[in-house]
Amino acid sequence: MARPTIRIRRVYAAEKPDEGLRVLIDRLWPRGVRREALAMDEWGKDLAPSSELRTWYGHRPERFDEFRERYRAELSGNPAVHRLAHTTGTVTLLTATKDLEHSHAVVLAELLGED
């Protein structure tokens, strides 16, 4: 079965026409963004890291490898992950995170792209 094409975008970037299913993957609503202004199809709060994990990580790049392991463990068995992994077309993961390279969005995208 073909996996979806996964893209990661910041919520503050303008929407592009080829982004497919747009899913906000942050637990908290992004600062400075009006709800009616964000073009999204769903808000996947259950795809975000737990508050405890997010606080522990604190966006410290030196903790990213351990964060990745802990976050993947949290996502284990999550039905929303299974559903997105079996979506056809493009799935765009939306996040307010500044450092996309060391974010939960990257970990989720990796997981969605695995067989």
PDB file of N, CA and C in Angstrom:
ATOM      1  N   MET A   1       0.846  -1.192   0.000  1.00  0.00           N
ATOM      2  CA  MET A   1       0.000   0.000   0.000  1.00  0.00           C
ATOM      3  C   MET A   1       0.889   1.254   0.000  1.00  0.00           C
ATOM      4  N   ALA A   2       0.563   2.211  -0.825  1.00  0.00           N
ATOM      5  CA  ALA A   2       1.347   3.440  -0.932  1.00  0.00           C
ATOM      6  C   ALA A   2       1.124   4.327   0.289  1.00  0.00           C
ATOM      7  N   ARG A   3       2.192   4.900   0.754  1.00  0.00           N
ATOM      8  CA  ARG A   3       2.131   5.835   1.878  1.00  0.00           C
ATOM      9  C   ARG A   3       1.849   7.231   1.340  1.00  0.00           C
ATOM     10  N   PRO A   4       1.301   8.102   2.175  1.00  0.00           N
ATOM     11  CA  PRO A   4       1.058   9.472   1.715  1.00  0.00           C
ATOM     12  C   PRO A   4       2.377  10.239   1.580  1.00  0.00           C
ATOM     13  N   THR A   5       2.340  11.290   0.802  1.00  0.00           N
ATOM     14  CA  THR A   5       3.454  12.229   0.752  1.00  0.00           C
ATOM     15  C   THR A   5       3.305  13.131   1.963  1.00  0.00           C
ATOM     16  N   ILE A   6       4.341  13.218   2.787  1.00  0.00           N
ATOM     17  CA  ILE A   6       4.276  13.998   4.024  1.00  0.00           C
ATOM     18  C   ILE A   6       5.062  15.285   3.844  1.00  0.00           C
ATOM     19  N   ARG A   7       4.429  16.377   4.203  1.00  0.00           N
ATOM     20  CA  ARG A   7       5.082  17.696   4.190  1.00  0.00           C
ATOM     21  C   ARG A   7       4.948  18.311   5.572  1.00  0.00           C
ATOM     22  N   ILE A   8       5.898  19.156   5.909  1.00  0.00           N
ATOM     23  CA  ILE A   8       5.863  19.878   7.183  1.00  0.00           C
ATOM     24  C   ILE A   8       5.895  21.367   6.866  1.00  0.00           C
ATOM     25  N   ARG A   9       4.977  22.110   7.488  1.00  0.00           N
ATOM     26  CA  ARG A   9       4.915  23.560   7.272  1.00  0.00           C
ATOM     27  C   ARG A   9       4.642  24.242   8.601  1.00  0.00           C
ATOM     28  N   ARG A  10       5.152  25.436   8.715  1.00  0.00           N
ATOM     29  CA  ARG A  10       4.819  26.256   9.879  1.00  0.00           C
ATOM     30  C   ARG A  10       3.447  26.880   9.655  1.00  0.00           C
ATOM     31  N   VAL A  11       2.696  27.035  10.732  1.00  0.00           N
ATOM     32  CA  VAL A  11       1.346  27.596  10.619  1.00  0.00           C
ATOM     33  C   VAL A  11       1.374  29.037  10.131  1.00  0.00           C
ATOM     34  N   TYR A  12       2.492  29.690  10.275  1.00  0.00           N
ATOM     35  CA  TYR A  12       2.601  31.106   9.904  1.00  0.00           C
ATOM     36  C   TYR A  12       2.896  31.298   8.412  1.00  0.00           C
ATOM     37  N   ALA A  13       3.207  30.223   7.699  1.00  0.00           N
ATOM     38  CA  ALA A  13       3.476  30.298   6.257  1.00  0.00           C
ATOM     39  C   ALA A  13       2.155  30.268   5.487  1.00  0.00           C
ATOM     40  N   ALA A  14       2.155  30.922   4.360  1.00  0.00           N
ATOM     41  CA  ALA A  14       0.944  30.951   3.524  1.00  0.00           C
ATOM     42  C   ALA A  14       0.650  29.557   2.979  1.00  0.00           C
ATOM     43  N   GLU A  15      -0.615  29.255   2.872  1.00  0.00           N
ATOM     44  CA  GLU A  15      -1.049  27.967   2.337  1.00  0.00           C
ATOM     45  C   GLU A  15      -0.692  27.877   0.861  1.00  0.00           C
ATOM     46  N   LYS A  16      -0.272  26.684   0.454  1.00  0.00           N
ATOM     47  CA  LYS A  16      -0.002  26.415  -0.956  1.00  0.00           C
ATOM     48  C   LYS A  16      -1.102  25.496  -1.484  1.00  0.00           C
ATOM     49  N   PRO A  17      -1.379  25.539  -2.772  1.00  0.00           N
ATOM     50  CA  PRO A  17      -2.506  24.776  -3.317  1.00  0.00           C
ATOM     51  C   PRO A  17      -2.340  23.260  -3.290  1.00  0.00           C
ATOM     52  N   ASP A  18      -1.125  22.738  -3.198  1.00  0.00           N
ATOM     53  CA  ASP A  18      -0.910  21.292  -3.299  1.00  0.00           C
ATOM     54  C   ASP A  18      -0.617  20.630  -1.954  1.00  0.00           C
ATOM     55  N   GLU A  19      -1.168  21.143  -0.877  1.00  0.00           N
ATOM     56  CA  GLU A  19      -0.819  20.631   0.446  1.00  0.00           C
ATOM     57  C   GLU A  19      -1.740  19.517   0.942  1.00  0.00           C
ATOM     58  N   GLY A  20      -2.744  19.165   0.206  1.00  0.00           N
ATOM     59  CA  GLY A  20      -3.597  18.045   0.575  1.00  0.00           C
ATOM     60  C   GLY A  20      -4.275  18.237   1.924  1.00  0.00           C
ATOM     61  N   LEU A  21      -4.298  17.181   2.719  1.00  0.00           N
ATOM     62  CA  LEU A  21      -4.893  17.204   4.052  1.00  0.00           C
ATOM     63  C   LEU A  21      -3.965  17.969   4.992  1.00  0.00           C
ATOM     64  N   ARG A  22      -4.464  19.060   5.548  1.00  0.00           N
ATOM     65  CA  ARG A  22      -3.645  19.913   6.442  1.00  0.00           C
ATOM     66  C   ARG A  22      -4.058  19.644   7.885  1.00  0.00           C
ATOM     67  N   VAL A  23      -3.084  19.162   8.690  1.00  0.00           N
ATOM     68  CA  VAL A  23      -3.361  18.754  10.061  1.00  0.00           C
ATOM     69  C   VAL A  23      -2.472  19.532  11.026  1.00  0.00           C
ATOM     70  N   LEU A  24      -3.093  20.291  11.920  1.00  0.00           N
ATOM     71  CA  LEU A  24      -2.353  20.965  12.983  1.00  0.00           C
ATOM     72  C   LEU A  24      -1.980  19.910  14.009  1.00  0.00           C
ATOM     73  N   ILE A  25      -0.680  19.778  14.321  1.00  0.00           N
ATOM     74  CA  ILE A  25      -0.229  18.713  15.207  1.00  0.00           C
ATOM     75  C   ILE A  25       0.319  19.244  16.529  1.00  0.00           C
ATOM     76  N   ASP A  26      -0.029  20.459  16.892  1.00  0.00           N
ATOM     77  CA  ASP A  26       0.371  21.036  18.176  1.00  0.00           C
ATOM     78  C   ASP A  26      -0.769  20.870  19.174  1.00  0.00           C
ATOM     79  N   ARG A  27      -0.421  20.628  20.419  1.00  0.00           N
ATOM     80  CA  ARG A  27      -1.437  20.478  21.467  1.00  0.00           C
ATOM     81  C   ARG A  27      -2.055  21.827  21.816  1.00  0.00           C
ATOM     82  N   LEU A  28      -1.240  22.877  21.767  1.00  0.00           N
ATOM     83  CA  LEU A  28      -1.701  24.232  22.086  1.00  0.00           C
ATOM     84  C   LEU A  28      -1.948  25.007  20.801  1.00  0.00           C
ATOM     85  N   TRP A  29      -2.953  25.876  20.823  1.00  0.00           N
ATOM     86  CA  TRP A  29      -3.230  26.692  19.650  1.00  0.00           C
ATOM     87  C   TRP A  29      -2.072  27.667  19.439  1.00  0.00           C
ATOM     88  N   PRO A  30      -1.617  27.869  18.197  1.00  0.00           N
ATOM     89  CA  PRO A  30      -0.480  28.748  17.927  1.00  0.00           C
ATOM     90  C   PRO A  30      -0.768  30.215  18.263  1.00  0.00           C
ATOM     91  N   ARG A  31       0.206  30.836  18.879  1.00  0.00           N
ATOM     92  CA  ARG A  31       0.071  32.247  19.248  1.00  0.00           C
ATOM     93  C   ARG A  31      -0.094  33.129  18.031  1.00  0.00           C
ATOM     94  N   GLY A  32      -0.967  34.097  18.172  1.00  0.00           N
ATOM     95  CA  GLY A  32      -1.137  35.106  17.133  1.00  0.00           C
ATOM     96  C   GLY A  32      -1.894  34.649  15.905  1.00  0.00           C
ATOM     97  N   VAL A  33      -2.458  33.460  15.941  1.00  0.00           N
ATOM     98  CA  VAL A  33      -3.195  32.940  14.789  1.00  0.00           C
ATOM     99  C   VAL A  33      -4.676  32.849  15.155  1.00  0.00           C
ATOM    100  N   ARG A  34      -5.499  33.546  14.384  1.00  0.00           N
ATOM    101  CA  ARG A  34      -6.939  33.450  14.605  1.00  0.00           C
ATOM    102  C   ARG A  34      -7.430  32.110  14.070  1.00  0.00           C
ATOM    103  N   ARG A  35      -8.323  31.503  14.791  1.00  0.00           N
ATOM    104  CA  ARG A  35      -8.820  30.172  14.391  1.00  0.00           C
ATOM    105  C   ARG A  35      -9.410  30.175  12.993  1.00  0.00           C
ATOM    106  N   GLU A  36     -10.156  31.207  12.667  1.00  0.00           N
ATOM    107  CA  GLU A  36     -10.773  31.246  11.341  1.00  0.00           C
ATOM    108  C   GLU A  36      -9.772  31.574  10.233  1.00  0.00           C
ATOM    109  N   ALA A  37      -8.568  32.016  10.599  1.00  0.00           N
ATOM    110  CA  ALA A  37      -7.571  32.385   9.605  1.00  0.00           C
ATOM    111  C   ALA A  37      -6.669  31.212   9.199  1.00  0.00           C
ATOM    112  N   LEU A  38      -6.617  30.167  10.021  1.00  0.00           N
ATOM    113  CA  LEU A  38      -5.737  29.042   9.713  1.00  0.00           C
ATOM    114  C   LEU A  38      -6.467  28.029   8.824  1.00  0.00           C
ATOM    115  N   ALA A  39      -5.943  27.842   7.644  1.00  0.00           N
ATOM    116  CA  ALA A  39      -6.521  26.865   6.715  1.00  0.00           C
ATOM    117  C   ALA A  39      -6.030  25.476   7.120  1.00  0.00           C
ATOM    118  N   MET A  40      -6.911  24.727   7.764  1.00  0.00           N
ATOM    119  CA  MET A  40      -6.559  23.373   8.181  1.00  0.00           C
ATOM    120  C   MET A  40      -7.807  22.502   8.074  1.00  0.00           C
ATOM    121  N   ASP A  41      -7.560  21.204   7.950  1.00  0.00           N
ATOM    122  CA  ASP A  41      -8.665  20.261   7.859  1.00  0.00           C
ATOM    123  C   ASP A  41      -8.998  19.642   9.209  1.00  0.00           C
ATOM    124  N   GLU A  42      -7.979  19.501  10.051  1.00  0.00           N
ATOM    125  CA  GLU A  42      -8.237  18.957  11.384  1.00  0.00           C
ATOM    126  C   GLU A  42      -7.140  19.390  12.348  1.00  0.00           C
ATOM    127  N   TRP A  43      -7.499  19.314  13.628  1.00  0.00           N
ATOM    128  CA  TRP A  43      -6.551  19.624  14.695  1.00  0.00           C
ATOM    129  C   TRP A  43      -6.279  18.326  15.432  1.00  0.00           C
ATOM    130  N   GLY A  44      -5.095  17.776  15.201  1.00  0.00           N
ATOM    131  CA  GLY A  44      -4.718  16.499  15.798  1.00  0.00           C
ATOM    132  C   GLY A  44      -3.989  16.672  17.109  1.00  0.00           C
ATOM    133  N   LYS A  45      -4.684  17.163  18.129  1.00  0.00           N
ATOM    134  CA  LYS A  45      -4.060  17.344  19.449  1.00  0.00           C
ATOM    135  C   LYS A  45      -3.453  16.049  19.960  1.00  0.00           C
ATOM    136  N   ASP A  46      -4.104  14.930  19.635  1.00  0.00           N
ATOM    137  CA  ASP A  46      -3.631  13.630  20.106  1.00  0.00           C
ATOM    138  C   ASP A  46      -2.366  13.162  19.390  1.00  0.00           C
ATOM    139  N   LEU A  47      -1.921  13.909  18.388  1.00  0.00           N
ATOM    140  CA  LEU A  47      -0.667  13.602  17.690  1.00  0.00           C
ATOM    141  C   LEU A  47       0.517  14.360  18.287  1.00  0.00           C
ATOM    142  N   ALA A  48       0.240  15.305  19.175  1.00  0.00           N
ATOM    143  CA  ALA A  48       1.291  16.119  19.791  1.00  0.00           C
ATOM    144  C   ALA A  48       1.922  15.372  20.967  1.00  0.00           C
ATOM    145  N   PRO A  49       3.162  15.721  21.296  1.00  0.00           N
ATOM    146  CA  PRO A  49       3.772  15.123  22.486  1.00  0.00           C
ATOM    147  C   PRO A  49       2.991  15.515  23.737  1.00  0.00           C
ATOM    148  N   SER A  50       3.051  14.674  24.749  1.00  0.00           N
ATOM    149  CA  SER A  50       2.398  15.000  26.015  1.00  0.00           C
ATOM    150  C   SER A  50       3.014  16.273  26.595  1.00  0.00           C
ATOM    151  N   SER A  51       2.280  16.925  27.451  1.00  0.00           N
ATOM    152  CA  SER A  51       2.792  18.135  28.103  1.00  0.00           C
ATOM    153  C   SER A  51       4.072  17.835  28.866  1.00  0.00           C
ATOM    154  N   GLU A  52       4.111  16.676  29.515  1.00  0.00           N
ATOM    155  CA  GLU A  52       5.303  16.303  30.281  1.00  0.00           C
ATOM    156  C   GLU A  52       6.518  16.142  29.373  1.00  0.00           C
ATOM    157  N   LEU A  53       6.347  15.468  28.245  1.00  0.00           N
ATOM    158  CA  LEU A  53       7.460  15.267  27.319  1.00  0.00           C
ATOM    159  C   LEU A  53       7.887  16.589  26.696  1.00  0.00           C
ATOM    160  N   ARG A  54       6.923  17.394  26.313  1.00  0.00           N
ATOM    161  CA  ARG A  54       7.232  18.694  25.717  1.00  0.00           C
ATOM    162  C   ARG A  54       8.026  19.565  26.685  1.00  0.00           C
ATOM    163  N   THR A  55       7.618  19.568  27.956  1.00  0.00           N
ATOM    164  CA  THR A  55       8.311  20.362  28.971  1.00  0.00           C
ATOM    165  C   THR A  55       9.727  19.826  29.198  1.00  0.00           C
ATOM    166  N   TRP A  56       9.860  18.502  29.294  1.00  0.00           N
ATOM    167  CA  TRP A  56      11.181  17.901  29.492  1.00  0.00           C
ATOM    168  C   TRP A  56      12.116  18.256  28.337  1.00  0.00           C
ATOM    169  N   TYR A  57      11.619  18.126  27.115  1.00  0.00           N
ATOM    170  CA  TYR A  57      12.442  18.377  25.933  1.00  0.00           C
ATOM    171  C   TYR A  57      12.861  19.845  25.845  1.00  0.00           C
ATOM    172  N   GLY A  58      11.933  20.751  26.011  1.00  0.00           N
ATOM    173  CA  GLY A  58      12.245  22.179  25.980  1.00  0.00           C
ATOM    174  C   GLY A  58      12.923  22.654  24.710  1.00  0.00           C
ATOM    175  N   HIS A  59      12.768  21.933  23.627  1.00  0.00           N
ATOM    176  CA  HIS A  59      13.371  22.274  22.322  1.00  0.00           C
ATOM    177  C   HIS A  59      14.889  22.399  22.412  1.00  0.00           C
ATOM    178  N   ARG A  60      15.500  21.562  23.234  1.00  0.00           N
ATOM    179  CA  ARG A  60      16.962  21.524  23.353  1.00  0.00           C
ATOM    180  C   ARG A  60      17.496  20.471  22.385  1.00  0.00           C
ATOM    181  N   PRO A  61      18.187  20.902  21.338  1.00  0.00           N
ATOM    182  CA  PRO A  61      18.663  19.965  20.316  1.00  0.00           C
ATOM    183  C   PRO A  61      19.474  18.799  20.877  1.00  0.00           C
ATOM    184  N   GLU A  62      20.209  19.010  21.964  1.00  0.00           N
ATOM    185  CA  GLU A  62      21.019  17.927  22.531  1.00  0.00           C
ATOM    186  C   GLU A  62      20.147  16.804  23.119  1.00  0.00           C
ATOM    187  N   ARG A  63      18.866  17.057  23.344  1.00  0.00           N
ATOM    188  CA  ARG A  63      17.938  16.046  23.849  1.00  0.00           C
ATOM    189  C   ARG A  63      17.084  15.420  22.742  1.00  0.00           C
ATOM    190  N   PHE A  64      17.311  15.833  21.497  1.00  0.00           N
ATOM    191  CA  PHE A  64      16.416  15.412  20.420  1.00  0.00           C
ATOM    192  C   PHE A  64      16.374  13.900  20.220  1.00  0.00           C
ATOM    193  N   ASP A  65      17.511  13.229  20.256  1.00  0.00           N
ATOM    194  CA  ASP A  65      17.512  11.786  20.026  1.00  0.00           C
ATOM    195  C   ASP A  65      16.671  11.054  21.068  1.00  0.00           C
ATOM    196  N   GLU A  66      16.817  11.436  22.339  1.00  0.00           N
ATOM    197  CA  GLU A  66      16.003  10.807  23.380  1.00  0.00           C
ATOM    198  C   GLU A  66      14.541  11.230  23.257  1.00  0.00           C
ATOM    199  N   PHE A  67      14.314  12.496  22.899  1.00  0.00           N
ATOM    200  CA  PHE A  67      12.947  12.965  22.665  1.00  0.00           C
ATOM    201  C   PHE A  67      12.279  12.114  21.584  1.00  0.00           C
ATOM    202  N   ARG A  68      13.013  11.860  20.502  1.00  0.00           N
ATOM    203  CA  ARG A  68      12.478  11.058  19.391  1.00  0.00           C
ATOM    204  C   ARG A  68      12.013   9.696  19.906  1.00  0.00           C
ATOM    205  N   GLU A  69      12.828   9.034  20.699  1.00  0.00           N
ATOM    206  CA  GLU A  69      12.475   7.715  21.239  1.00  0.00           C
ATOM    207  C   GLU A  69      11.240   7.790  22.129  1.00  0.00           C
ATOM    208  N   ARG A  70      11.214   8.758  23.031  1.00  0.00           N
ATOM    209  CA  ARG A  70      10.077   8.896  23.954  1.00  0.00           C
ATOM    210  C   ARG A  70       8.788   9.245  23.212  1.00  0.00           C
ATOM    211  N   TYR A  71       8.900  10.135  22.236  1.00  0.00           N
ATOM    212  CA  TYR A  71       7.715  10.551  21.482  1.00  0.00           C
ATOM    213  C   TYR A  71       7.176   9.393  20.649  1.00  0.00           C
ATOM    214  N   ARG A  72       8.060   8.633  20.012  1.00  0.00           N
ATOM    215  CA  ARG A  72       7.620   7.468  19.240  1.00  0.00           C
ATOM    216  C   ARG A  72       6.913   6.469  20.145  1.00  0.00           C
ATOM    217  N   ALA A  73       7.402   6.314  21.372  1.00  0.00           N
ATOM    218  CA  ALA A  73       6.747   5.418  22.329  1.00  0.00           C
ATOM    219  C   ALA A  73       5.348   5.932  22.661  1.00  0.00           C
ATOM    220  N   GLU A  74       5.202   7.254  22.810  1.00  0.00           N
ATOM    221  CA  GLU A  74       3.876   7.831  23.074  1.00  0.00           C
ATOM    222  C   GLU A  74       2.917   7.591  21.911  1.00  0.00           C
ATOM    223  N   LEU A  75       3.438   7.637  20.696  1.00  0.00           N
ATOM    224  CA  LEU A  75       2.597   7.473  19.514  1.00  0.00           C
ATOM    225  C   LEU A  75       2.259   6.022  19.211  1.00  0.00           C
ATOM    226  N   SER A  76       2.954   5.106  19.850  1.00  0.00           N
ATOM    227  CA  SER A  76       2.738   3.690  19.612  1.00  0.00           C
ATOM    228  C   SER A  76       1.269   3.331  19.871  1.00  0.00           C
ATOM    229  N   GLY A  77       0.644   2.757  18.875  1.00  0.00           N
ATOM    230  CA  GLY A  77      -0.758   2.353  19.003  1.00  0.00           C
ATOM    231  C   GLY A  77      -1.771   3.468  18.852  1.00  0.00           C
ATOM    232  N   ASN A  78      -1.324   4.667  18.537  1.00  0.00           N
ATOM    233  CA  ASN A  78      -2.235   5.798  18.364  1.00  0.00           C
ATOM    234  C   ASN A  78      -3.030   5.617  17.070  1.00  0.00           C
ATOM    235  N   PRO A  79      -4.360   5.533  17.148  1.00  0.00           N
ATOM    236  CA  PRO A  79      -5.156   5.307  15.933  1.00  0.00           C
ATOM    237  C   PRO A  79      -5.058   6.449  14.916  1.00  0.00           C
ATOM    238  N   ALA A  80      -4.795   7.666  15.372  1.00  0.00           N
ATOM    239  CA  ALA A  80      -4.665   8.793  14.436  1.00  0.00           C
ATOM    240  C   ALA A  80      -3.427   8.621  13.565  1.00  0.00           C
ATOM    241  N   VAL A  81      -2.361   8.066  14.123  1.00  0.00           N
ATOM    242  CA  VAL A  81      -1.145   7.806  13.340  1.00  0.00           C
ATOM    243  C   VAL A  81      -1.461   6.773  12.262  1.00  0.00           C
ATOM    244  N   HIS A  82      -2.130   5.716  12.643  1.00  0.00           N
ATOM    245  CA  HIS A  82      -2.489   4.658  11.689  1.00  0.00           C
ATOM    246  C   HIS A  82      -3.356   5.228  10.556  1.00  0.00           C
ATOM    247  N   ARG A  83      -4.331   6.055  10.921  1.00  0.00           N
ATOM    248  CA  ARG A  83      -5.231   6.642   9.926  1.00  0.00           C
ATOM    249  C   ARG A  83      -4.459   7.528   8.945  1.00  0.00           C
ATOM    250  N   LEU A  84      -3.586   8.399   9.465  1.00  0.00           N
ATOM    251  CA  LEU A  84      -2.819   9.285   8.581  1.00  0.00           C
ATOM    252  C   LEU A  84      -1.840   8.504   7.712  1.00  0.00           C
ATOM    253  N   ALA A  85      -1.249   7.467   8.275  1.00  0.00           N
ATOM    254  CA  ALA A  85      -0.288   6.661   7.515  1.00  0.00           C
ATOM    255  C   ALA A  85      -0.953   5.968   6.332  1.00  0.00           C
ATOM    256  N   HIS A  86      -2.266   5.770   6.420  1.00  0.00           N
ATOM    257  CA  HIS A  86      -2.985   5.095   5.344  1.00  0.00           C
ATOM    258  C   HIS A  86      -3.841   6.057   4.511  1.00  0.00           C
ATOM    259  N   THR A  87      -3.566   7.328   4.647  1.00  0.00           N
ATOM    260  CA  THR A  87      -4.225   8.341   3.834  1.00  0.00           C
ATOM    261  C   THR A  87      -3.561   8.361   2.455  1.00  0.00           C
ATOM    262  N   THR A  88      -4.332   8.547   1.424  1.00  0.00           N
ATOM    263  CA  THR A  88      -3.741   8.663   0.092  1.00  0.00           C
ATOM    264  C   THR A  88      -3.516  10.141  -0.217  1.00  0.00           C
ATOM    265  N   GLY A  89      -2.535  10.408  -1.030  1.00  0.00           N
ATOM    266  CA  GLY A  89      -2.244  11.785  -1.415  1.00  0.00           C
ATOM    267  C   GLY A  89      -1.241  12.433  -0.480  1.00  0.00           C
ATOM    268  N   THR A  90      -1.426  13.708  -0.273  1.00  0.00           N
ATOM    269  CA  THR A  90      -0.492  14.505   0.522  1.00  0.00           C
ATOM    270  C   THR A  90      -1.087  14.832   1.880  1.00  0.00           C
ATOM    271  N   VAL A  91      -0.248  14.730   2.909  1.00  0.00           N
ATOM    272  CA  VAL A  91      -0.611  15.156   4.257  1.00  0.00           C
ATOM    273  C   VAL A  91       0.400  16.215   4.668  1.00  0.00           C
ATOM    274  N   THR A  92      -0.095  17.393   5.022  1.00  0.00           N
ATOM    275  CA  THR A  92       0.773  18.476   5.478  1.00  0.00           C
ATOM    276  C   THR A  92       0.602  18.627   6.979  1.00  0.00           C
ATOM    277  N   LEU A  93       1.710  18.438   7.699  1.00  0.00           N
ATOM    278  CA  LEU A  93       1.721  18.576   9.151  1.00  0.00           C
ATOM    279  C   LEU A  93       2.024  20.027   9.482  1.00  0.00           C
ATOM    280  N   LEU A  94       1.124  20.666  10.201  1.00  0.00           N
ATOM    281  CA  LEU A  94       1.268  22.078  10.550  1.00  0.00           C
ATOM    282  C   LEU A  94       1.712  22.213  12.003  1.00  0.00           C
ATOM    283  N   THR A  95       2.694  23.064  12.227  1.00  0.00           N
ATOM    284  CA  THR A  95       3.195  23.302  13.579  1.00  0.00           C
ATOM    285  C   THR A  95       3.673  24.745  13.701  1.00  0.00           C
ATOM    286  N   ALA A  96       3.658  25.249  14.922  1.00  0.00           N
ATOM    287  CA  ALA A  96       4.161  26.593  15.191  1.00  0.00           C
ATOM    288  C   ALA A  96       5.645  26.573  15.550  1.00  0.00           C
ATOM    289  N   THR A  97       6.215  25.395  15.697  1.00  0.00           N
ATOM    290  CA  THR A  97       7.611  25.240  16.101  1.00  0.00           C
ATOM    291  C   THR A  97       8.545  25.983  15.168  1.00  0.00           C
ATOM    292  N   LYS A  98       9.494  26.721  15.742  1.00  0.00           N
ATOM    293  CA  LYS A  98      10.468  27.461  14.931  1.00  0.00           C
ATOM    294  C   LYS A  98      11.529  26.538  14.346  1.00  0.00           C
ATOM    295  N   ASP A  99      12.064  25.639  15.155  1.00  0.00           N
ATOM    296  CA  ASP A  99      13.138  24.737  14.734  1.00  0.00           C
ATOM    297  C   ASP A  99      12.529  23.438  14.210  1.00  0.00           C
ATOM    298  N   LEU A 100      12.164  23.441  12.951  1.00  0.00           N
ATOM    299  CA  LEU A 100      11.499  22.271  12.371  1.00  0.00           C
ATOM    300  C   LEU A 100      12.396  21.035  12.378  1.00  0.00           C
ATOM    301  N   GLU A 101      13.688  21.232  12.227  1.00  0.00           N
ATOM    302  CA  GLU A 101      14.628  20.119  12.152  1.00  0.00           C
ATOM    303  C   GLU A 101      14.650  19.288  13.440  1.00  0.00           C
ATOM    304  N   HIS A 102      14.386  19.935  14.573  1.00  0.00           N
ATOM    305  CA  HIS A 102      14.396  19.252  15.871  1.00  0.00           C
ATOM    306  C   HIS A 102      13.006  19.260  16.505  1.00  0.00           C
ATOM    307  N   SER A 103      11.998  19.025  15.695  1.00  0.00           N
ATOM    308  CA  SER A 103      10.627  19.132  16.195  1.00  0.00           C
ATOM    309  C   SER A 103       9.903  17.791  16.166  1.00  0.00           C
ATOM    310  N   HIS A 104       8.789  17.763  16.858  1.00  0.00           N
ATOM    311  CA  HIS A 104       7.947  16.569  16.852  1.00  0.00           C
ATOM    312  C   HIS A 104       7.394  16.295  15.460  1.00  0.00           C
ATOM    313  N   ALA A 105       7.280  17.337  14.637  1.00  0.00           N
ATOM    314  CA  ALA A 105       6.775  17.165  13.275  1.00  0.00           C
ATOM    315  C   ALA A 105       7.688  16.247  12.462  1.00  0.00           C
ATOM    316  N   VAL A 106       8.991  16.382  12.636  1.00  0.00           N
ATOM    317  CA  VAL A 106       9.952  15.536  11.919  1.00  0.00           C
ATOM    318  C   VAL A 106       9.793  14.084  12.351  1.00  0.00           C
ATOM    319  N   VAL A 107       9.642  13.864  13.648  1.00  0.00           N
ATOM    320  CA  VAL A 107       9.500  12.502  14.171  1.00  0.00           C
ATOM    321  C   VAL A 107       8.207  11.878  13.651  1.00  0.00           C
ATOM    322  N   LEU A 108       7.126  12.633  13.689  1.00  0.00           N
ATOM    323  CA  LEU A 108       5.847  12.135  13.194  1.00  0.00           C
ATOM    324  C   LEU A 108       5.928  11.832  11.696  1.00  0.00           C
ATOM    325  N   ALA A 109       6.556  12.713  10.939  1.00  0.00           N
ATOM    326  CA  ALA A 109       6.702  12.496   9.496  1.00  0.00           C
ATOM    327  C   ALA A 109       7.493  11.216   9.219  1.00  0.00           C
ATOM    328  N   GLU A 110       8.549  10.989   9.984  1.00  0.00           N
ATOM    329  CA  GLU A 110       9.335   9.766   9.832  1.00  0.00           C
ATOM    330  C   GLU A 110       8.448   8.540  10.093  1.00  0.00           C
ATOM    331  N   LEU A 111       7.700   8.593  11.153  1.00  0.00           N
ATOM    332  CA  LEU A 111       6.836   7.478  11.531  1.00  0.00           C
ATOM    333  C   LEU A 111       5.783   7.202  10.465  1.00  0.00           C
ATOM    334  N   LEU A 112       5.192   8.256   9.927  1.00  0.00           N
ATOM    335  CA  LEU A 112       4.161   8.096   8.903  1.00  0.00           C
ATOM    336  C   LEU A 112       4.731   7.521   7.611  1.00  0.00           C
ATOM    337  N   GLY A 113       6.015   7.750   7.369  1.00  0.00           N
ATOM    338  CA  GLY A 113       6.638   7.280   6.143  1.00  0.00           C
ATOM    339  C   GLY A 113       7.203   5.873   6.214  1.00  0.00           C
ATOM    340  N   GLU A 114       7.141   5.247   7.395  1.00  0.00           N
ATOM    341  CA  GLU A 114       7.679   3.902   7.559  1.00  0.00           C
ATOM    342  C   GLU A 114       6.690   2.842   7.090  1.00  0.00           C
ATOM    343  N   ASP A 115       7.233   1.710   6.706  1.00  0.00           N
ATOM    344  CA  ASP A 115       6.387   0.576   6.296  1.00  0.00           C
ATOM    345  C   ASP A 115       5.907  -0.198   7.506  1.00  0.00           C
TER     346      ASP A 115
END
